[in-house]
């Protein structure tokens, strides 16, 4: 199995195969991610966890170096004036 180079290289098949290779604990963790309480959408209907959410959880656990880092925010005019 090839190691992903960025988060977009992680697909559903990769997640399942990787967890199987890691053993029963990893498979149980993955099933636990899917078993979490479902969130409600804007219409109040319960929705399944999306693949993006699963992929991000997976990457945080097994490939943290692939998680995009938050960008530094530019200073606002208020911050600039406060620093005077």
N, C-alpha and C. Protein backbone atom coordinates (compact mmCIF):
# COMPACT_ATOMS: atom_id res chain seq x y z
N UNK A 1 0.85 -1.18 0.00
CA UNK A 1 0.00 0.00 0.00
C UNK A 1 0.89 1.24 0.00
N UNK A 2 0.56 2.16 -0.86
CA UNK A 2 1.35 3.37 -1.00
C UNK A 2 0.92 4.41 0.04
N UNK A 3 1.87 5.09 0.63
CA UNK A 3 1.59 6.12 1.61
C UNK A 3 1.06 7.37 0.90
N UNK A 4 -0.03 7.93 1.39
CA UNK A 4 -0.58 9.13 0.73
C UNK A 4 0.37 10.32 0.88
N UNK A 5 0.43 11.13 -0.15
CA UNK A 5 1.30 12.31 -0.15
C UNK A 5 0.55 13.56 0.30
N UNK A 6 -0.77 13.57 0.12
CA UNK A 6 -1.59 14.67 0.63
C UNK A 6 -2.95 14.11 1.02
N UNK A 7 -3.75 14.90 1.66
CA UNK A 7 -5.02 14.41 2.20
C UNK A 7 -5.97 13.96 1.10
N UNK A 8 -5.83 14.52 -0.10
CA UNK A 8 -6.71 14.13 -1.21
C UNK A 8 -6.40 12.74 -1.75
N UNK A 9 -5.24 12.20 -1.40
CA UNK A 9 -4.90 10.84 -1.81
C UNK A 9 -5.63 9.78 -0.98
N UNK A 10 -6.25 10.19 0.11
CA UNK A 10 -6.95 9.25 0.99
C UNK A 10 -8.38 9.09 0.49
N UNK A 11 -8.72 7.87 0.06
CA UNK A 11 -10.09 7.59 -0.37
C UNK A 11 -10.68 6.51 0.54
N UNK A 12 -11.93 6.18 0.34
CA UNK A 12 -12.62 5.23 1.20
C UNK A 12 -11.97 3.86 1.21
N UNK A 13 -11.56 3.40 0.06
CA UNK A 13 -10.91 2.09 -0.03
C UNK A 13 -9.60 2.08 0.76
N UNK A 14 -8.85 3.18 0.67
CA UNK A 14 -7.59 3.28 1.40
C UNK A 14 -7.84 3.23 2.91
N UNK A 15 -8.84 3.97 3.38
CA UNK A 15 -9.16 4.01 4.80
C UNK A 15 -9.48 2.62 5.32
N UNK A 16 -10.36 1.90 4.63
CA UNK A 16 -10.77 0.57 5.07
C UNK A 16 -9.59 -0.40 5.04
N UNK A 17 -8.83 -0.39 3.95
CA UNK A 17 -7.70 -1.30 3.82
C UNK A 17 -6.64 -1.01 4.88
N UNK A 18 -6.36 0.25 5.13
CA UNK A 18 -5.35 0.63 6.12
C UNK A 18 -5.79 0.18 7.51
N UNK A 19 -7.05 0.40 7.84
CA UNK A 19 -7.55 0.00 9.15
C UNK A 19 -7.50 -1.52 9.32
N UNK A 20 -7.81 -2.26 8.27
CA UNK A 20 -7.72 -3.72 8.34
C UNK A 20 -6.29 -4.17 8.62
N UNK A 21 -5.34 -3.52 7.95
CA UNK A 21 -3.93 -3.86 8.15
C UNK A 21 -3.44 -3.53 9.55
N UNK A 22 -4.02 -2.50 10.16
CA UNK A 22 -3.59 -2.08 11.49
C UNK A 22 -4.12 -3.00 12.58
N UNK A 23 -5.19 -3.74 12.29
CA UNK A 23 -5.71 -4.70 13.26
C UNK A 23 -7.11 -4.37 13.74
N UNK A 24 -7.57 -5.18 14.68
CA UNK A 24 -8.94 -5.08 15.17
C UNK A 24 -9.22 -3.75 15.85
N UNK A 25 -8.26 -3.21 16.57
CA UNK A 25 -8.47 -1.94 17.27
C UNK A 25 -8.76 -0.81 16.28
N UNK A 26 -8.05 -0.81 15.17
CA UNK A 26 -8.26 0.23 14.15
C UNK A 26 -9.62 0.07 13.48
N UNK A 27 -10.01 -1.17 13.23
CA UNK A 27 -11.32 -1.42 12.62
C UNK A 27 -12.43 -0.99 13.58
N UNK A 28 -12.26 -1.29 14.87
CA UNK A 28 -13.24 -0.87 15.87
C UNK A 28 -13.31 0.65 15.97
N UNK A 29 -12.16 1.31 15.87
CA UNK A 29 -12.15 2.77 15.90
C UNK A 29 -12.93 3.32 14.71
N UNK A 30 -12.70 2.76 13.52
CA UNK A 30 -13.39 3.22 12.31
C UNK A 30 -14.90 3.01 12.43
N UNK A 31 -15.29 1.87 12.93
CA UNK A 31 -16.72 1.61 13.13
C UNK A 31 -17.29 2.58 14.16
N UNK A 32 -16.50 2.93 15.17
CA UNK A 32 -16.93 3.90 16.18
C UNK A 32 -17.15 5.28 15.59
N UNK A 33 -16.33 5.65 14.63
CA UNK A 33 -16.50 6.95 13.96
C UNK A 33 -17.85 6.98 13.27
N UNK A 34 -18.20 5.89 12.59
CA UNK A 34 -19.49 5.83 11.90
C UNK A 34 -20.66 5.70 12.87
N UNK A 35 -20.42 5.17 14.06
CA UNK A 35 -21.50 4.95 15.02
C UNK A 35 -21.82 6.19 15.86
N UNK A 36 -21.05 7.24 15.71
CA UNK A 36 -21.32 8.46 16.49
C UNK A 36 -22.72 8.97 16.21
N UNK A 37 -23.29 9.68 17.17
CA UNK A 37 -24.64 10.23 16.93
C UNK A 37 -24.66 11.09 15.67
N UNK A 38 -25.73 10.96 14.95
CA UNK A 38 -25.85 11.68 13.68
C UNK A 38 -26.20 13.14 13.94
N UNK A 39 -25.62 14.01 13.15
CA UNK A 39 -25.89 15.44 13.28
C UNK A 39 -27.12 15.78 12.47
N UNK A 40 -27.79 16.84 12.89
CA UNK A 40 -28.96 17.30 12.14
C UNK A 40 -28.52 18.33 11.11
N UNK A 41 -29.16 18.27 9.93
CA UNK A 41 -28.88 19.29 8.93
C UNK A 41 -29.76 20.50 9.20
N UNK A 42 -29.74 21.47 8.30
CA UNK A 42 -30.49 22.71 8.53
C UNK A 42 -32.00 22.49 8.55
N UNK A 43 -32.47 21.36 8.00
CA UNK A 43 -33.90 21.06 7.99
C UNK A 43 -34.32 20.19 9.17
N UNK A 44 -33.37 19.87 10.04
CA UNK A 44 -33.68 19.08 11.21
C UNK A 44 -33.62 17.58 11.00
N UNK A 45 -33.24 17.15 9.81
CA UNK A 45 -33.13 15.71 9.53
C UNK A 45 -31.76 15.22 9.94
N UNK A 46 -31.71 14.02 10.53
CA UNK A 46 -30.43 13.43 10.91
C UNK A 46 -29.69 13.05 9.64
N UNK A 47 -28.41 13.38 9.59
CA UNK A 47 -27.62 13.07 8.40
C UNK A 47 -26.45 12.18 8.78
N UNK A 48 -26.07 11.35 7.84
CA UNK A 48 -24.93 10.45 8.03
C UNK A 48 -23.64 11.28 8.07
N UNK A 49 -22.63 10.74 8.69
CA UNK A 49 -21.33 11.40 8.68
C UNK A 49 -20.80 11.37 7.25
N UNK A 50 -20.24 12.47 6.81
CA UNK A 50 -19.76 12.54 5.43
C UNK A 50 -18.37 11.89 5.31
N UNK A 51 -18.02 11.54 4.10
CA UNK A 51 -16.69 10.95 3.89
C UNK A 51 -15.61 11.94 4.26
N UNK A 52 -15.82 13.22 3.99
CA UNK A 52 -14.81 14.24 4.32
C UNK A 52 -14.54 14.25 5.81
N UNK A 53 -15.60 14.14 6.62
CA UNK A 53 -15.42 14.10 8.07
C UNK A 53 -14.66 12.85 8.49
N UNK A 54 -14.99 11.70 7.89
CA UNK A 54 -14.29 10.45 8.20
C UNK A 54 -12.83 10.56 7.78
N UNK A 55 -12.60 11.06 6.58
CA UNK A 55 -11.23 11.21 6.09
C UNK A 55 -10.41 12.10 7.00
N UNK A 56 -11.00 13.20 7.46
CA UNK A 56 -10.27 14.11 8.34
C UNK A 56 -9.95 13.46 9.68
N UNK A 57 -10.91 12.71 10.24
CA UNK A 57 -10.66 11.98 11.49
C UNK A 57 -9.54 10.96 11.29
N UNK A 58 -9.60 10.23 10.19
CA UNK A 58 -8.60 9.22 9.87
C UNK A 58 -7.22 9.87 9.73
N UNK A 59 -7.15 10.96 9.01
CA UNK A 59 -5.87 11.64 8.79
C UNK A 59 -5.33 12.20 10.11
N UNK A 60 -6.19 12.74 10.96
CA UNK A 60 -5.74 13.25 12.26
C UNK A 60 -5.11 12.13 13.09
N UNK A 61 -5.69 10.94 13.00
CA UNK A 61 -5.21 9.82 13.81
C UNK A 61 -3.96 9.17 13.22
N UNK A 62 -3.95 8.90 11.93
CA UNK A 62 -2.88 8.11 11.34
C UNK A 62 -1.88 8.91 10.50
N UNK A 63 -2.28 10.03 9.95
CA UNK A 63 -1.39 10.83 9.11
C UNK A 63 -1.52 12.32 9.47
N UNK A 64 -1.17 12.69 10.69
CA UNK A 64 -1.37 14.09 11.11
C UNK A 64 -0.57 15.10 10.30
N UNK A 65 0.50 14.66 9.67
CA UNK A 65 1.29 15.59 8.86
C UNK A 65 0.57 15.99 7.57
N UNK A 66 -0.51 15.29 7.22
CA UNK A 66 -1.26 15.62 6.00
C UNK A 66 -2.38 16.63 6.25
N UNK A 67 -2.71 16.88 7.50
CA UNK A 67 -3.78 17.82 7.82
C UNK A 67 -3.33 19.22 7.44
N UNK A 68 -4.13 19.93 6.66
CA UNK A 68 -3.75 21.29 6.30
C UNK A 68 -3.65 22.18 7.54
N UNK A 69 -2.60 22.95 7.60
CA UNK A 69 -2.41 23.86 8.72
C UNK A 69 -3.24 25.11 8.49
N UNK A 70 -3.76 25.66 9.57
CA UNK A 70 -4.55 26.88 9.42
C UNK A 70 -3.62 28.03 9.06
N UNK A 71 -4.11 28.88 8.22
CA UNK A 71 -3.31 30.00 7.76
C UNK A 71 -3.34 31.10 8.82
N UNK A 72 -2.27 31.84 8.90
CA UNK A 72 -2.25 32.96 9.82
C UNK A 72 -3.15 34.05 9.25
N UNK A 73 -3.95 34.59 10.11
CA UNK A 73 -4.89 35.62 9.66
C UNK A 73 -4.19 36.97 9.58
N UNK A 74 -4.60 37.73 8.60
CA UNK A 74 -4.06 39.08 8.47
C UNK A 74 -4.62 39.92 9.60
N UNK A 75 -3.83 40.87 10.03
CA UNK A 75 -4.30 41.75 11.09
C UNK A 75 -5.40 42.66 10.54
N UNK A 76 -6.41 42.84 11.35
CA UNK A 76 -7.49 43.75 10.97
C UNK A 76 -7.08 45.18 11.27
N UNK A 77 -7.81 46.12 10.75
CA UNK A 77 -7.50 47.53 11.02
C UNK A 77 -7.61 47.82 12.52
N UNK A 78 -8.55 47.15 13.18
CA UNK A 78 -8.71 47.34 14.63
C UNK A 78 -7.47 46.86 15.35
N UNK A 79 -6.93 45.70 14.96
CA UNK A 79 -5.70 45.20 15.60
C UNK A 79 -4.52 46.13 15.34
N UNK A 80 -4.45 46.66 14.14
CA UNK A 80 -3.36 47.56 13.81
C UNK A 80 -3.45 48.85 14.62
N UNK A 81 -4.68 49.37 14.78
CA UNK A 81 -4.85 50.58 15.57
C UNK A 81 -4.60 50.33 17.04
N UNK A 82 -4.98 49.15 17.53
CA UNK A 82 -4.77 48.82 18.94
C UNK A 82 -3.28 48.71 19.26
N UNK A 83 -2.47 48.34 18.29
CA UNK A 83 -1.04 48.18 18.53
C UNK A 83 -0.29 49.51 18.53
N UNK A 84 -0.97 50.60 18.20
CA UNK A 84 -0.31 51.91 18.20
C UNK A 84 -0.08 52.42 19.60
